[in-house]
Amino acid sequence: MYVMQTKLTLRLEESLIKRAKKEAALRGTSVSQMVGDYLSALNVEESEQDLSPVTRSFVGVMEATDFSEEDYKRHLKDKHL
């Protein structure tokens, strides 16, 4: 599925931009991707307001992993059989 991307210009303090670039480099991503991830997370928070604080704290924990659904099924099988 193709999602059209559009350019956005932000005006921020120079020191904040430097910190954002440094953090992006540490994470192996871009400032644009970090901003996009943050804005996407805002929607997630709105749709999950009914969750308890503990449950809500787990949302997104596994997003940056390489685990697949098959890995999870294998884990459950190993654990319970």
C-alpha atoms as a PDB file:
ATOM      1  CA  MET A   1       0.000   0.000   0.000  1.00  0.00           C
ATOM      2  CA  TYR A   2       1.429   3.360  -1.037  1.00  0.00           C
ATOM      3  CA  VAL A   3       1.053   6.280   1.337  1.00  0.00           C
ATOM      4  CA  MET A   4       1.710   9.697  -0.145  1.00  0.00           C
ATOM      5  CA  GLN A   5       4.205  11.695   1.872  1.00  0.00           C
ATOM      6  CA  THR A   6       4.218  15.472   2.040  1.00  0.00           C
ATOM      7  CA  LYS A   7       6.982  17.783   3.165  1.00  0.00           C
ATOM      8  CA  LEU A   8       6.515  19.723   6.418  1.00  0.00           C
ATOM      9  CA  THR A   9       8.712  22.588   7.587  1.00  0.00           C
ATOM     10  CA  LEU A  10       9.125  23.115  11.321  1.00  0.00           C
ATOM     11  CA  ARG A  11      10.670  26.158  12.941  1.00  0.00           C
ATOM     12  CA  LEU A  12      12.465  25.167  16.135  1.00  0.00           C
ATOM     13  CA  GLU A  13      15.291  26.466  18.271  1.00  0.00           C
ATOM     14  CA  GLU A  14      18.666  25.477  16.862  1.00  0.00           C
ATOM     15  CA  SER A  15      19.635  23.655  20.064  1.00  0.00           C
ATOM     16  CA  LEU A  16      16.477  21.537  19.882  1.00  0.00           C
ATOM     17  CA  ILE A  17      17.183  20.642  16.262  1.00  0.00           C
ATOM     18  CA  LYS A  18      20.731  19.565  17.170  1.00  0.00           C
ATOM     19  CA  ARG A  19      19.410  17.397  20.012  1.00  0.00           C
ATOM     20  CA  ALA A  20      16.783  15.851  17.731  1.00  0.00           C
ATOM     21  CA  LYS A  21      19.383  15.005  15.065  1.00  0.00           C
ATOM     22  CA  LYS A  22      21.691  13.487  17.679  1.00  0.00           C
ATOM     23  CA  GLU A  23      18.860  11.373  19.107  1.00  0.00           C
ATOM     24  CA  ALA A  24      17.802  10.264  15.629  1.00  0.00           C
ATOM     25  CA  ALA A  25      21.362   9.186  14.833  1.00  0.00           C
ATOM     26  CA  LEU A  26      21.539   7.201  18.077  1.00  0.00           C
ATOM     27  CA  ARG A  27      18.278   5.461  17.175  1.00  0.00           C
ATOM     28  CA  GLY A  28      19.335   4.846  13.581  1.00  0.00           C
ATOM     29  CA  THR A  29      16.411   6.812  12.181  1.00  0.00           C
ATOM     30  CA  SER A  30      15.583  10.291  10.920  1.00  0.00           C
ATOM     31  CA  VAL A  31      14.102  13.293  12.678  1.00  0.00           C
ATOM     32  CA  SER A  32      11.180  13.079  10.241  1.00  0.00           C
ATOM     33  CA  GLN A  33      10.523   9.474  11.244  1.00  0.00           C
ATOM     34  CA  MET A  34      10.712  10.343  14.961  1.00  0.00           C
ATOM     35  CA  VAL A  35       8.220  13.200  14.521  1.00  0.00           C
ATOM     36  CA  GLY A  36       5.954  10.940  12.464  1.00  0.00           C
ATOM     37  CA  ASP A  37       6.113   8.205  15.105  1.00  0.00           C
ATOM     38  CA  TYR A  38       5.267  10.725  17.810  1.00  0.00           C
ATOM     39  CA  LEU A  39       2.283  12.096  15.898  1.00  0.00           C
ATOM     40  CA  SER A  40       1.068   8.568  15.161  1.00  0.00           C
ATOM     41  CA  ALA A  41       1.291   7.746  18.858  1.00  0.00           C
ATOM     42  CA  LEU A  42      -1.078  10.620  19.623  1.00  0.00           C
ATOM     43  CA  ASN A  43      -3.845   8.812  17.734  1.00  0.00           C
ATOM     44  CA  VAL A  44      -3.071   5.580  19.552  1.00  0.00           C
ATOM     45  CA  GLU A  45      -3.431   7.298  22.918  1.00  0.00           C
ATOM     46  CA  GLU A  46      -6.827   8.732  21.963  1.00  0.00           C
ATOM     47  CA  SER A  47      -8.182   5.367  20.816  1.00  0.00           C
ATOM     48  CA  GLU A  48      -6.930   3.579  23.927  1.00  0.00           C
ATOM     49  CA  GLN A  49      -8.183   5.942  26.615  1.00  0.00           C
ATOM     50  CA  ASP A  50     -10.360   3.183  28.085  1.00  0.00           C
ATOM     51  CA  LEU A  51      -7.321   1.038  28.937  1.00  0.00           C
ATOM     52  CA  SER A  52      -5.950   0.974  32.447  1.00  0.00           C
ATOM     53  CA  PRO A  53      -2.676   2.877  32.991  1.00  0.00           C
ATOM     54  CA  VAL A  54      -0.749  -0.397  33.383  1.00  0.00           C
ATOM     55  CA  THR A  55      -2.155  -1.862  30.156  1.00  0.00           C
ATOM     56  CA  ARG A  56      -1.638   1.424  28.302  1.00  0.00           C
ATOM     57  CA  SER A  57       2.039   1.398  29.357  1.00  0.00           C
ATOM     58  CA  PHE A  58       2.557  -1.763  27.290  1.00  0.00           C
ATOM     59  CA  VAL A  59       1.197  -0.276  24.053  1.00  0.00           C
ATOM     60  CA  GLY A  60       3.962  -0.132  21.441  1.00  0.00           C
ATOM     61  CA  VAL A  61       6.552  -1.950  23.551  1.00  0.00           C
ATOM     62  CA  MET A  62       7.232  -4.552  20.870  1.00  0.00           C
ATOM     63  CA  GLU A  63       7.038  -2.262  17.806  1.00  0.00           C
ATOM     64  CA  ALA A  64      10.792  -1.990  17.344  1.00  0.00           C
ATOM     65  CA  THR A  65      11.494  -5.719  17.599  1.00  0.00           C
ATOM     66  CA  ASP A  66      12.037  -8.315  14.912  1.00  0.00           C
ATOM     67  CA  PHE A  67       9.590 -10.797  16.462  1.00  0.00           C
ATOM     68  CA  SER A  68       6.905 -12.193  14.224  1.00  0.00           C
ATOM     69  CA  GLU A  69       3.578 -13.741  15.076  1.00  0.00           C
ATOM     70  CA  GLU A  70       5.181 -17.106  14.332  1.00  0.00           C
ATOM     71  CA  ASP A  71       7.885 -16.391  16.957  1.00  0.00           C
ATOM     72  CA  TYR A  72       5.175 -15.647  19.506  1.00  0.00           C
ATOM     73  CA  LYS A  73       3.295 -18.861  18.702  1.00  0.00           C
ATOM     74  CA  ARG A  74       6.518 -20.832  19.036  1.00  0.00           C
ATOM     75  CA  HIS A  75       7.171 -19.218  22.425  1.00  0.00           C
ATOM     76  CA  LEU A  76       3.691 -20.158  23.673  1.00  0.00           C
ATOM     77  CA  LYS A  77       4.083 -23.721  22.438  1.00  0.00           C
ATOM     78  CA  ASP A  78       7.486 -24.086  24.144  1.00  0.00           C
ATOM     79  CA  LYS A  79       6.188 -22.540  27.352  1.00  0.00           C
ATOM     80  CA  HIS A  80       2.973 -24.524  27.688  1.00  0.00           C
ATOM     81  CA  LEU A  81       3.690 -27.871  26.072  1.00  0.00           C
END
